[in-house]
Structure formats: structure tokens, C-alpha cells
N, C-alpha and C. Protein backbone atom coordinates (compact mmCIF):
# COMPACT_ATOMS: atom_id res chain seq x y z
N UNK A 1 -10.56 31.50 66.43
CA UNK A 1 -10.44 31.43 68.09
C UNK A 1 -11.65 30.78 68.75
N UNK A 2 -11.44 30.06 69.53
CA UNK A 2 -12.74 29.61 70.23
C UNK A 2 -13.35 30.81 71.27
N UNK A 3 -14.43 30.39 71.65
CA UNK A 3 -14.99 31.49 72.52
C UNK A 3 -14.64 31.08 74.08
N UNK A 4 -13.96 32.39 74.46
CA UNK A 4 -13.56 32.53 75.89
C UNK A 4 -14.56 32.52 76.68
N UNK A 5 -14.37 32.22 77.86
CA UNK A 5 -15.50 32.13 79.08
C UNK A 5 -15.83 33.41 79.69
N UNK A 6 -16.55 34.30 78.99
CA UNK A 6 -16.97 35.62 79.69
C UNK A 6 -18.12 35.67 80.61
N UNK A 7 -18.68 34.24 80.96
CA UNK A 7 -20.03 34.06 81.54
C UNK A 7 -20.13 35.09 82.86
N UNK A 8 -19.12 35.54 83.39
CA UNK A 8 -19.08 36.41 84.59
C UNK A 8 -19.35 37.76 84.27
N UNK A 9 -19.56 38.23 82.88
CA UNK A 9 -19.84 39.80 82.74
C UNK A 9 -21.21 39.96 82.95
N UNK A 10 -22.02 38.79 83.05
CA UNK A 10 -23.55 38.68 83.22
C UNK A 10 -23.93 39.47 84.52
N UNK A 11 -23.12 39.38 85.21
CA UNK A 11 -23.01 39.78 86.77
C UNK A 11 -22.07 40.90 86.75
N UNK A 12 -21.42 41.86 86.10
CA UNK A 12 -20.67 42.65 85.98
C UNK A 12 -21.32 43.76 86.54
N UNK A 13 -20.87 44.50 87.39
CA UNK A 13 -21.21 45.49 88.16
C UNK A 13 -20.98 46.77 87.45
N UNK A 14 -21.82 48.01 87.19
CA UNK A 14 -21.11 49.06 86.07
C UNK A 14 -20.04 49.79 87.02
N UNK A 15 -20.09 49.79 88.20
CA UNK A 15 -19.21 50.60 88.74
C UNK A 15 -17.56 49.84 88.92
N UNK A 16 -17.60 48.45 88.56
CA UNK A 16 -16.43 47.83 88.48
C UNK A 16 -15.27 48.60 87.46
N UNK A 17 -13.75 48.11 87.72
CA UNK A 17 -12.83 48.71 86.87
C UNK A 17 -12.75 47.57 85.67
N UNK A 18 -12.98 48.64 84.61
CA UNK A 18 -13.03 47.74 83.21
C UNK A 18 -12.30 47.68 82.43
N UNK A 19 -11.09 48.37 82.92
CA UNK A 19 -9.51 48.26 82.05
C UNK A 19 -9.21 47.20 81.76
N UNK A 20 -9.12 46.46 82.59
CA UNK A 20 -8.11 44.96 82.39
C UNK A 20 -9.19 44.05 81.42
N UNK A 21 -10.33 44.03 81.76
CA UNK A 21 -11.23 43.30 81.11
C UNK A 21 -11.45 43.71 79.66
N UNK A 22 -11.45 45.03 79.42
CA UNK A 22 -10.96 45.65 78.10
C UNK A 22 -9.99 44.89 77.31
N UNK A 23 -8.83 45.01 78.33
CA UNK A 23 -7.85 44.60 77.48
C UNK A 23 -8.03 42.82 77.04
N UNK A 24 -8.61 42.09 77.90
CA UNK A 24 -8.80 40.97 77.76
C UNK A 24 -9.85 40.55 76.47
N UNK A 25 -11.07 41.49 76.50
CA UNK A 25 -11.72 41.50 75.25
C UNK A 25 -10.85 41.74 73.77
N UNK A 26 -10.12 42.75 74.11
CA UNK A 26 -9.46 43.26 73.08
C UNK A 26 -8.42 42.11 72.36
N UNK A 27 -7.78 41.24 73.16
CA UNK A 27 -6.93 40.18 72.93
C UNK A 27 -7.58 39.31 72.01
N UNK A 28 -8.83 38.96 72.86
CA UNK A 28 -9.74 37.86 72.57
C UNK A 28 -10.29 38.08 71.04
N UNK A 29 -10.91 39.09 71.04
CA UNK A 29 -11.47 39.66 69.94
C UNK A 29 -11.25 40.66 68.74
N UNK A 30 -10.14 41.33 69.06
CA UNK A 30 -9.37 42.44 68.56
C UNK A 30 -9.22 42.15 67.06
N UNK A 31 -8.69 40.92 66.88
CA UNK A 31 -8.49 40.68 65.35
C UNK A 31 -9.68 40.37 64.49
N UNK A 32 -10.50 39.55 65.49
CA UNK A 32 -11.71 38.97 64.64
C UNK A 32 -12.83 40.40 64.26
N UNK A 33 -12.59 41.59 65.19
CA UNK A 33 -13.54 42.83 65.10
C UNK A 33 -12.92 43.21 63.81
N UNK A 34 -11.47 43.77 63.80
CA UNK A 34 -11.35 44.22 62.71
C UNK A 34 -11.38 43.73 61.50
N UNK A 35 -11.16 42.33 61.36
CA UNK A 35 -11.40 41.74 60.00
C UNK A 35 -12.96 41.65 59.61
N UNK A 36 -13.98 41.69 60.68
CA UNK A 36 -15.24 41.77 60.50
C UNK A 36 -15.57 43.32 59.87
N UNK A 37 -15.09 44.14 60.34
CA UNK A 37 -15.26 45.49 60.17
C UNK A 37 -14.68 45.76 58.88
N UNK A 38 -13.52 45.21 58.60
CA UNK A 38 -12.91 45.70 57.15
C UNK A 38 -13.87 44.79 56.03
N UNK A 39 -14.43 43.68 56.50
CA UNK A 39 -15.29 42.93 55.34
C UNK A 39 -16.31 43.95 55.11
N UNK A 40 -16.72 44.61 56.08
CA UNK A 40 -18.12 45.74 55.78
C UNK A 40 -17.45 46.95 54.88
N UNK A 41 -16.37 47.51 55.51
CA UNK A 41 -15.97 48.81 54.97
C UNK A 41 -15.25 48.80 53.68
N UNK A 42 -14.20 47.68 53.71
CA UNK A 42 -13.15 47.46 52.65
C UNK A 42 -12.24 48.44 52.65
N UNK A 43 -11.98 49.20 53.95
CA UNK A 43 -11.14 50.21 53.93
C UNK A 43 -10.25 50.05 55.30
N UNK A 44 -9.08 50.09 55.04
CA UNK A 44 -8.04 49.67 56.64
C UNK A 44 -8.30 50.77 57.29
N UNK A 45 -7.88 51.76 56.58
CA UNK A 45 -7.92 52.92 57.54
C UNK A 45 -9.35 53.30 58.12
N UNK A 46 -10.22 53.40 57.60
CA UNK A 46 -11.73 53.38 58.06
C UNK A 46 -12.05 52.34 59.23
N UNK A 47 -11.64 51.37 58.63
CA UNK A 47 -11.61 50.21 59.56
C UNK A 47 -10.97 50.28 61.17
N UNK A 48 -9.45 51.07 60.91
CA UNK A 48 -8.81 51.09 62.18
C UNK A 48 -9.80 52.08 62.93
N UNK A 49 -10.32 53.24 62.46
CA UNK A 49 -10.88 54.24 63.19
C UNK A 49 -12.23 53.75 63.90
N UNK A 50 -12.91 53.02 63.14
CA UNK A 50 -13.89 52.10 63.68
C UNK A 50 -13.79 51.20 64.64
N UNK A 51 -12.74 50.49 64.69
CA UNK A 51 -12.74 49.27 65.74
C UNK A 51 -12.18 50.11 66.98
N UNK A 52 -11.49 51.32 66.82
CA UNK A 52 -11.37 51.96 68.17
C UNK A 52 -12.48 52.58 69.01
N UNK A 53 -13.48 52.98 68.21
CA UNK A 53 -14.63 53.31 68.25
C UNK A 53 -15.52 52.10 69.00
N UNK A 54 -15.43 51.10 68.18
CA UNK A 54 -16.12 50.08 68.84
C UNK A 54 -15.73 49.45 70.40
N UNK A 55 -14.34 49.65 70.48
CA UNK A 55 -13.91 49.18 71.77
C UNK A 55 -14.14 50.16 72.92
N UNK A 56 -14.17 51.39 72.20
CA UNK A 56 -14.69 52.57 73.33
C UNK A 56 -16.21 52.19 73.73
N UNK A 57 -17.18 51.99 72.90
CA UNK A 57 -18.28 51.70 73.06
C UNK A 57 -18.42 50.81 74.10
N UNK A 58 -17.41 49.38 73.82
CA UNK A 58 -17.84 48.47 74.63
C UNK A 58 -17.33 48.49 76.05
N UNK A 59 -16.62 49.60 76.18
CA UNK A 59 -15.80 50.04 77.63
C UNK A 59 -16.88 50.61 78.34
N UNK A 60 -17.79 51.71 77.31
CA UNK A 60 -18.69 52.37 78.20
C UNK A 60 -20.13 51.69 78.38
N UNK A 61 -20.16 50.27 77.76
CA UNK A 61 -21.35 49.60 77.81
C UNK A 61 -21.04 48.13 78.41
N UNK A 62 -20.10 47.94 79.15
CA UNK A 62 -19.87 46.77 79.72
C UNK A 62 -20.76 46.36 80.78
N UNK A 63 -21.45 47.37 81.62
CA UNK A 63 -22.27 47.20 82.65
C UNK A 63 -23.61 46.87 82.05
N UNK A 64 -23.67 47.29 80.87
CA UNK A 64 -25.07 46.76 80.23
C UNK A 64 -25.26 45.24 79.54
N UNK A 65 -24.43 44.47 79.63
CA UNK A 65 -24.23 43.18 78.84
C UNK A 65 -25.19 42.37 80.01
N UNK A 66 -26.19 41.93 79.11
CA UNK A 66 -27.12 40.97 79.80
C UNK A 66 -26.95 39.66 80.02
N UNK A 67 -26.20 39.15 78.73
CA UNK A 67 -25.93 37.92 78.64
C UNK A 67 -27.02 37.23 77.71
N UNK A 68 -27.77 37.79 77.10
CA UNK A 68 -28.98 37.15 75.96
C UNK A 68 -28.42 36.57 74.98
N UNK A 69 -27.01 36.80 74.77
CA UNK A 69 -26.01 36.26 73.48
C UNK A 69 -24.65 35.94 74.09
N UNK A 70 -24.06 35.50 73.23
CA UNK A 70 -22.47 35.16 73.89
C UNK A 70 -21.99 36.54 73.61
N UNK A 71 -20.84 36.75 74.23
CA UNK A 71 -19.90 37.94 74.30
C UNK A 71 -19.68 38.46 72.95
N UNK A 72 -19.01 37.22 72.06
CA UNK A 72 -18.71 37.75 70.78
C UNK A 72 -20.04 38.40 69.72
N UNK A 73 -21.34 37.66 69.97
CA UNK A 73 -21.92 38.31 69.21
C UNK A 73 -22.22 39.56 69.77
N UNK A 74 -22.43 39.94 71.13
CA UNK A 74 -22.66 41.21 71.64
C UNK A 74 -21.57 42.20 71.29
N UNK A 75 -20.47 41.94 70.83
CA UNK A 75 -19.37 42.54 70.33
C UNK A 75 -19.53 43.08 68.93
N UNK A 76 -19.87 41.79 68.20
CA UNK A 76 -20.21 42.13 66.79
C UNK A 76 -21.14 42.88 66.51
N UNK A 77 -22.23 42.98 67.41
CA UNK A 77 -23.20 43.65 66.89
C UNK A 77 -23.08 45.06 67.38
N UNK A 78 -22.38 45.54 68.45
CA UNK A 78 -21.86 46.88 68.55
C UNK A 78 -21.12 47.28 67.18
N UNK A 79 -19.95 46.36 66.79
CA UNK A 79 -19.07 46.48 65.60
C UNK A 79 -20.24 46.86 64.61
N UNK A 80 -20.84 46.18 64.27
CA UNK A 80 -21.76 46.33 63.09
C UNK A 80 -22.61 47.54 63.26
N UNK A 81 -23.08 47.77 64.31
CA UNK A 81 -24.10 49.10 64.49
C UNK A 81 -23.02 50.15 64.40
N UNK A 82 -21.66 50.25 64.77
CA UNK A 82 -20.89 51.51 64.82
C UNK A 82 -20.64 51.61 63.25
N UNK A 83 -20.43 50.53 62.46
CA UNK A 83 -20.22 50.65 61.04
C UNK A 83 -21.38 51.29 60.20
N UNK A 84 -22.45 50.90 60.57
CA UNK A 84 -23.69 51.59 59.89
C UNK A 84 -23.90 53.12 60.38
N UNK A 85 -23.66 53.29 61.73
CA UNK A 85 -23.57 54.61 62.26
C UNK A 85 -22.51 55.48 61.35
N UNK A 86 -21.28 54.88 61.09
CA UNK A 86 -20.35 55.67 60.39
C UNK A 86 -20.52 55.93 58.79
N UNK A 87 -21.20 54.96 58.35
CA UNK A 87 -21.61 55.19 56.90
C UNK A 87 -22.83 56.14 56.57
N UNK A 88 -23.60 56.24 57.87
CA UNK A 88 -24.65 57.44 57.62
C UNK A 88 -23.93 58.59 58.16
N UNK A 89 -22.72 58.69 58.41
CA UNK A 89 -22.20 60.15 58.70
C UNK A 89 -21.70 60.88 57.62
N UNK A 90 -22.01 62.09 58.11
CA UNK A 90 -21.62 63.20 56.54
C UNK A 90 -20.09 63.07 56.18
N UNK A 91 -18.95 62.46 57.38
CA UNK A 91 -17.71 62.31 56.88
C UNK A 91 -17.68 61.50 55.70
N UNK A 92 -18.22 60.59 55.66
CA UNK A 92 -17.91 59.53 54.66
C UNK A 92 -18.53 59.72 53.60
N UNK A 93 -19.84 60.37 53.21
CA UNK A 93 -20.23 61.03 51.92
C UNK A 93 -19.40 61.72 51.28
N UNK A 94 -18.37 62.46 51.99
CA UNK A 94 -17.38 63.53 51.58
C UNK A 94 -16.28 62.76 51.08
N UNK A 95 -16.09 61.88 51.68
CA UNK A 95 -14.41 61.56 51.76
C UNK A 95 -14.70 59.90 51.72
N UNK A 96 -14.22 59.33 50.56
CA UNK A 96 -14.20 57.81 50.32
C UNK A 96 -12.80 57.19 49.73
N UNK A 97 -12.00 56.51 50.86
CA UNK A 97 -10.71 56.04 50.19
C UNK A 97 -11.03 54.44 49.78
N UNK A 98 -10.02 53.91 48.90
CA UNK A 98 -10.14 52.59 48.00
C UNK A 98 -9.15 51.96 49.05
N UNK A 99 -9.50 50.92 49.56
CA UNK A 99 -8.41 49.83 50.56
C UNK A 99 -8.06 48.78 49.98
N UNK A 100 -7.15 47.84 50.40
CA UNK A 100 -6.77 46.63 49.73
C UNK A 100 -6.54 45.79 50.88
N UNK A 101 -6.54 44.31 50.56
CA UNK A 101 -6.49 43.19 51.75
C UNK A 101 -5.07 42.84 51.70
N UNK A 102 -4.74 42.60 52.50
CA UNK A 102 -3.14 41.93 52.88
C UNK A 102 -3.30 40.73 53.55
N UNK A 103 -2.30 39.84 53.15
CA UNK A 103 -2.02 38.55 53.45
C UNK A 103 -0.78 38.74 54.79
N UNK A 104 -0.92 37.36 55.64
CA UNK A 104 0.29 37.20 56.67
C UNK A 104 1.26 36.26 55.93
N UNK A 105 2.39 36.56 56.27
CA UNK A 105 3.46 35.94 55.64
C UNK A 105 3.61 34.42 56.33
N UNK A 106 4.02 33.45 55.50
CA UNK A 106 4.30 32.18 55.89
C UNK A 106 5.58 31.84 55.30
N UNK A 107 6.03 30.50 55.76
CA UNK A 107 7.27 29.65 55.26
C UNK A 107 6.76 28.91 53.80
N UNK A 108 6.96 29.55 52.74
CA UNK A 108 6.73 28.84 51.67
C UNK A 108 7.66 29.71 50.58
N UNK A 109 7.85 28.93 49.48
CA UNK A 109 8.83 29.25 48.47
C UNK A 109 8.35 30.53 48.11
N UNK A 110 8.89 31.44 47.17
CA UNK A 110 8.76 32.70 46.92
C UNK A 110 7.71 32.60 45.80
N UNK A 111 7.85 31.53 44.87
CA UNK A 111 6.75 31.35 43.74
C UNK A 111 5.25 31.04 44.27
N UNK A 112 5.68 30.01 45.40
CA UNK A 112 4.22 29.48 46.05
C UNK A 112 3.48 30.60 46.75
N UNK A 113 4.09 31.50 47.53
CA UNK A 113 3.81 32.59 48.21
C UNK A 113 3.19 33.50 47.03
N UNK A 114 3.73 33.68 46.05
CA UNK A 114 2.91 34.69 45.20
C UNK A 114 1.91 34.20 44.53
N UNK A 115 1.90 33.17 44.49
CA UNK A 115 0.92 32.27 43.43
C UNK A 115 -0.30 32.15 44.80
N UNK A 116 -0.08 31.84 45.73
CA UNK A 116 -0.82 31.94 46.94
C UNK A 116 -1.64 33.10 47.19
N UNK A 117 -1.17 34.13 47.27
CA UNK A 117 -1.44 35.78 47.51
C UNK A 117 -2.26 36.06 46.40
N UNK A 118 -1.81 35.59 45.09
CA UNK A 118 -2.78 36.09 44.00
C UNK A 118 -4.18 35.52 44.32
N UNK A 119 -4.05 34.42 44.60
CA UNK A 119 -5.18 33.32 44.52
C UNK A 119 -6.25 34.09 45.68
N UNK A 120 -5.39 34.25 46.71
CA UNK A 120 -6.36 34.85 48.06
C UNK A 120 -6.82 36.22 47.61
N UNK A 121 -5.97 37.04 46.90
CA UNK A 121 -6.57 38.35 46.77
C UNK A 121 -7.76 38.30 45.79
N UNK A 122 -7.66 37.39 44.85
CA UNK A 122 -9.02 37.20 43.52
C UNK A 122 -10.00 37.02 44.26
N UNK A 123 -9.99 35.93 45.45
CA UNK A 123 -11.32 35.42 45.83
C UNK A 123 -11.62 36.41 46.92
N UNK A 124 -10.67 36.93 47.69
CA UNK A 124 -11.31 38.49 48.54
C UNK A 124 -11.81 39.72 47.59
N UNK A 125 -11.14 39.60 46.58
CA UNK A 125 -11.68 40.57 45.61
C UNK A 125 -13.11 40.25 45.17
N UNK A 126 -13.50 39.02 44.87
CA UNK A 126 -14.58 38.61 44.63
C UNK A 126 -15.83 39.03 45.76
N UNK A 127 -15.28 38.39 47.10
CA UNK A 127 -16.16 38.38 48.44
C UNK A 127 -16.64 39.83 48.50
N UNK A 128 -15.48 40.76 48.35
CA UNK A 128 -15.87 42.27 48.66
C UNK A 128 -16.85 42.90 47.71
N UNK A 129 -16.97 42.09 46.54
CA UNK A 129 -17.76 42.39 45.42
C UNK A 129 -19.46 42.22 45.53
N UNK A 130 -19.57 41.19 46.48
CA UNK A 130 -20.88 40.60 46.86
C UNK A 130 -21.54 41.86 47.61
N UNK A 131 -22.85 41.62 47.07
CA UNK A 131 -23.59 42.79 48.09
C UNK A 131 -23.36 42.65 49.42
N UNK A 132 -23.63 43.85 50.26
CA UNK A 132 -23.19 43.59 51.88
C UNK A 132 -23.85 42.45 52.60
N UNK A 133 -25.09 42.52 52.39
CA UNK A 133 -26.00 41.21 52.99
C UNK A 133 -25.36 40.02 52.73
N UNK A 134 -24.81 39.81 51.81
CA UNK A 134 -24.44 38.30 51.59
C UNK A 134 -22.95 38.14 51.71
N UNK A 135 -22.01 39.29 51.53
CA UNK A 135 -20.70 39.27 52.15
C UNK A 135 -21.00 39.24 53.47
N UNK A 136 -21.81 39.99 54.26
CA UNK A 136 -21.54 39.93 55.60
C UNK A 136 -21.79 38.37 56.32
N UNK A 137 -22.99 37.85 55.76
CA UNK A 137 -23.36 36.25 56.35
C UNK A 137 -22.08 35.48 56.02
N UNK A 138 -21.59 35.71 54.58
CA UNK A 138 -20.46 34.85 54.59
C UNK A 138 -19.11 34.94 55.30
N UNK A 139 -18.99 36.27 55.53
CA UNK A 139 -17.65 36.38 56.44
C UNK A 139 -17.90 35.77 57.87
N UNK A 140 -19.03 36.43 58.24
CA UNK A 140 -19.46 35.58 59.83
C UNK A 140 -19.29 34.13 59.52
N UNK A 141 -19.88 33.58 59.10
CA UNK A 141 -19.91 32.22 58.76
C UNK A 141 -18.57 31.36 58.74
N UNK A 142 -17.85 31.93 57.55
CA UNK A 142 -16.74 31.25 57.03
C UNK A 142 -15.53 31.68 57.89
N UNK A 143 -15.38 32.77 58.00
CA UNK A 143 -14.13 33.36 58.74
C UNK A 143 -14.30 33.45 60.30
N UNK A 144 -15.51 34.01 60.73
CA UNK A 144 -15.53 34.35 61.99
C UNK A 144 -16.17 33.13 62.94
N UNK A 145 -16.48 31.95 62.06
CA UNK A 145 -17.14 30.79 62.56
C UNK A 145 -18.38 30.64 63.62
N UNK A 146 -19.01 31.86 63.12
CA UNK A 146 -20.30 31.86 63.85
C UNK A 146 -21.27 31.05 63.61
N UNK A 147 -22.09 30.70 64.72
CA UNK A 147 -23.32 29.64 64.22
C UNK A 147 -24.49 30.52 63.24
N UNK A 148 -25.13 29.84 62.59
CA UNK A 148 -26.30 30.23 62.11
C UNK A 148 -27.08 31.04 62.95
N UNK A 149 -27.33 30.68 64.07
CA UNK A 149 -28.28 31.41 64.93
C UNK A 149 -27.62 32.70 65.64
N UNK A 150 -26.48 32.47 65.68
CA UNK A 150 -25.44 33.74 66.28
C UNK A 150 -25.61 35.03 65.26
N UNK A 151 -25.46 34.31 63.84
CA UNK A 151 -25.47 35.51 62.85
C UNK A 151 -26.90 35.86 62.89
N UNK A 152 -28.21 35.06 62.90
CA UNK A 152 -29.31 35.71 62.78
C UNK A 152 -29.53 36.74 63.90
N UNK A 153 -28.98 36.80 65.16
CA UNK A 153 -29.32 37.24 66.39
C UNK A 153 -28.44 38.49 65.97
N UNK A 154 -27.27 38.30 65.24
CA UNK A 154 -26.41 39.48 64.97
C UNK A 154 -27.24 40.67 64.31
N UNK A 155 -27.63 39.80 63.23
CA UNK A 155 -28.10 40.86 62.06
C UNK A 155 -29.74 41.21 62.08
N UNK A 156 -30.22 40.35 62.96
CA UNK A 156 -31.54 40.84 63.60
C UNK A 156 -32.69 40.34 62.28
N UNK A 157 -32.10 38.98 62.05
CA UNK A 157 -32.90 38.29 60.73
C UNK A 157 -33.13 36.98 61.15
N UNK A 158 -34.12 36.34 60.33
CA UNK A 158 -34.37 34.56 60.87
C UNK A 158 -33.04 34.00 60.30
N UNK A 159 -33.21 32.61 60.83
CA UNK A 159 -32.06 31.57 60.37
C UNK A 159 -32.28 31.67 58.94
N UNK A 160 -33.46 31.21 58.45
CA UNK A 160 -33.53 30.83 57.00
C UNK A 160 -33.22 32.30 56.27
N UNK A 161 -33.30 33.41 56.68
CA UNK A 161 -32.60 34.50 55.86
C UNK A 161 -31.25 34.08 55.89
N UNK A 162 -30.61 34.02 56.93
CA UNK A 162 -29.02 33.81 57.01
C UNK A 162 -28.82 32.74 55.89
N UNK A 163 -29.47 31.41 56.07
CA UNK A 163 -28.92 30.69 54.78
C UNK A 163 -29.18 30.85 53.63
N UNK A 164 -30.34 31.82 53.23
CA UNK A 164 -30.42 31.94 52.09
C UNK A 164 -29.34 33.15 51.77
N UNK A 165 -28.77 34.04 52.69
CA UNK A 165 -27.98 35.01 51.98
C UNK A 165 -26.69 33.88 51.86
N UNK A 166 -26.39 32.94 52.74
CA UNK A 166 -25.26 32.21 52.45
C UNK A 166 -25.30 31.63 50.98
N UNK A 167 -26.28 30.98 50.60
CA UNK A 167 -26.66 30.19 49.55
C UNK A 167 -26.43 31.22 48.42
N UNK A 168 -26.86 32.30 48.50
CA UNK A 168 -26.58 33.15 47.45
C UNK A 168 -25.01 33.69 47.01
N UNK A 169 -24.46 33.88 48.46
CA UNK A 169 -23.05 34.33 48.40
C UNK A 169 -22.37 33.10 47.72
N UNK A 170 -22.68 31.84 48.18
CA UNK A 170 -21.59 30.89 47.47
C UNK A 170 -21.97 30.65 46.25
N UNK A 171 -23.43 30.69 45.57
CA UNK A 171 -23.61 30.76 44.31
C UNK A 171 -22.90 31.69 43.35
N UNK A 172 -22.65 32.94 43.75
CA UNK A 172 -22.29 33.93 43.23
C UNK A 172 -20.41 33.69 42.99
N UNK A 173 -19.86 33.25 44.09
CA UNK A 173 -18.58 33.14 44.17
C UNK A 173 -18.46 31.48 43.25
N UNK A 174 -19.16 30.76 43.17
CA UNK A 174 -19.03 29.61 42.30
C UNK A 174 -19.10 29.75 40.89
N UNK A 175 -19.97 30.76 40.65
CA UNK A 175 -20.17 31.49 39.22
C UNK A 175 -18.80 32.00 38.71
N UNK A 176 -18.53 32.76 39.50
CA UNK A 176 -17.07 33.62 39.25
C UNK A 176 -15.72 32.41 39.06
N UNK A 177 -15.69 31.59 39.97
CA UNK A 177 -14.81 30.44 39.88
C UNK A 177 -14.90 29.67 38.78
N UNK A 178 -16.12 29.34 38.14
CA UNK A 178 -16.53 28.91 36.90
C UNK A 178 -15.97 29.67 35.62
N UNK A 179 -16.33 30.80 35.79
CA UNK A 179 -15.88 31.82 34.82
C UNK A 179 -14.32 31.69 34.80
N UNK A 180 -13.83 31.99 35.72
CA UNK A 180 -12.49 31.87 35.93
C UNK A 180 -11.70 30.86 35.01
N UNK A 181 -12.29 29.71 35.52
CA UNK A 181 -11.47 28.53 34.97
C UNK A 181 -11.81 28.32 33.66
N UNK A 182 -12.90 28.85 33.04
CA UNK A 182 -13.33 28.94 31.85
C UNK A 182 -11.88 29.58 30.97
N UNK A 183 -12.20 30.78 31.57
CA UNK A 183 -10.99 31.97 30.53
C UNK A 183 -9.59 31.48 30.69
N UNK A 184 -9.35 30.76 31.77
CA UNK A 184 -8.09 30.13 31.95
C UNK A 184 -7.78 28.91 30.92
N UNK A 185 -8.86 28.19 30.76
CA UNK A 185 -9.14 27.11 29.56
C UNK A 185 -9.08 27.53 28.04
N UNK A 186 -9.32 28.63 27.94
CA UNK A 186 -9.41 29.14 26.64
C UNK A 186 -8.13 29.85 25.97
């Protein structure tokens, strides 16, 4: 999704009614936030809970948006911090559920759909096995189409670090792909 123009948020007064704006932000970024949080948690139920918390925080903090970054980067930063807060909580240490990735339906033959889903699930399975720092950079860059600078701002690292993480993530996925192709040829 292309970046919507939320420049007027820089001048948003804390007393303004935020409900309609929150609906706009949820419509514009809700799916992206869910996918990003899922890439960090790997659990759909946990992701649902965290995303609700994220948008509650956004609702409460709308007046504090200064416009130092894009609204998308600001929202993703809140999402990332919420995930890390959740991971540190005692609840997570006591309960851990295993999740799975589902794909959307499309108009193709049943055989093609099964093969596409299997391939997609295998790739996502490998992406989810990457270390968090590599997985996070890859998902933000490839899936959410954030720039290297936006990712660096979001993660609180240098652009060079983002490049390095993307390189290592791609290398690990390439190695997996080569091994998979070798197994198929044997």
C-alpha cells in the first residue's frame, strides 16, 4: 500500500476527536501492522492481541506524533515496542502457542493453488526460522516496502546495519533454496 498523506497529524491537537482518524489509520495500516507483528511473534492469536494494543496506544498517543518520521514508521515503531514489551511479560514466559501462516485465495486451478501454497508456506517457514533481527529487516523491506532509512529509524540502527541484516537473511534463504533444489534432484 502506498503511503497515505497524514501530514496534518504534525499539527494534531491532543484535544481533537481521534476516533475517525484512528479508523483511517486502521484502514490504511491495519493489515500491514498485523503482518509485521506476526513476522515477529509467529503466532496469530498473540498477534491479534498485540495489534489491538498497538492501536490503543496509537489512539492514546496521537497528540504526541511530531512528524520526525512518516506515520507508517511511527506506527511500526509502536508495534515493534509493543511486541518486545509483550515478549518480556510474564504471561509469554508461561504460555507459548505455535502458529501458522495462511494464504489468501486466488483464482487458479486446484493443483496450482496447492503447489503455490506449499511453496509459499515453505518459504515463510524458512523466513520464520531466521534470527529475529534478520527476519524483521527482511519483512520490513520486502513485504512492507519500507526504505532502508525508514527501517534503520524504526529499529534504531544505522542503514549499514540494515543492509548487513538483509544480506545475511538473503544468504540464509539462498542456502536453504540451494539445499532444497539439491534434495529434489537427488
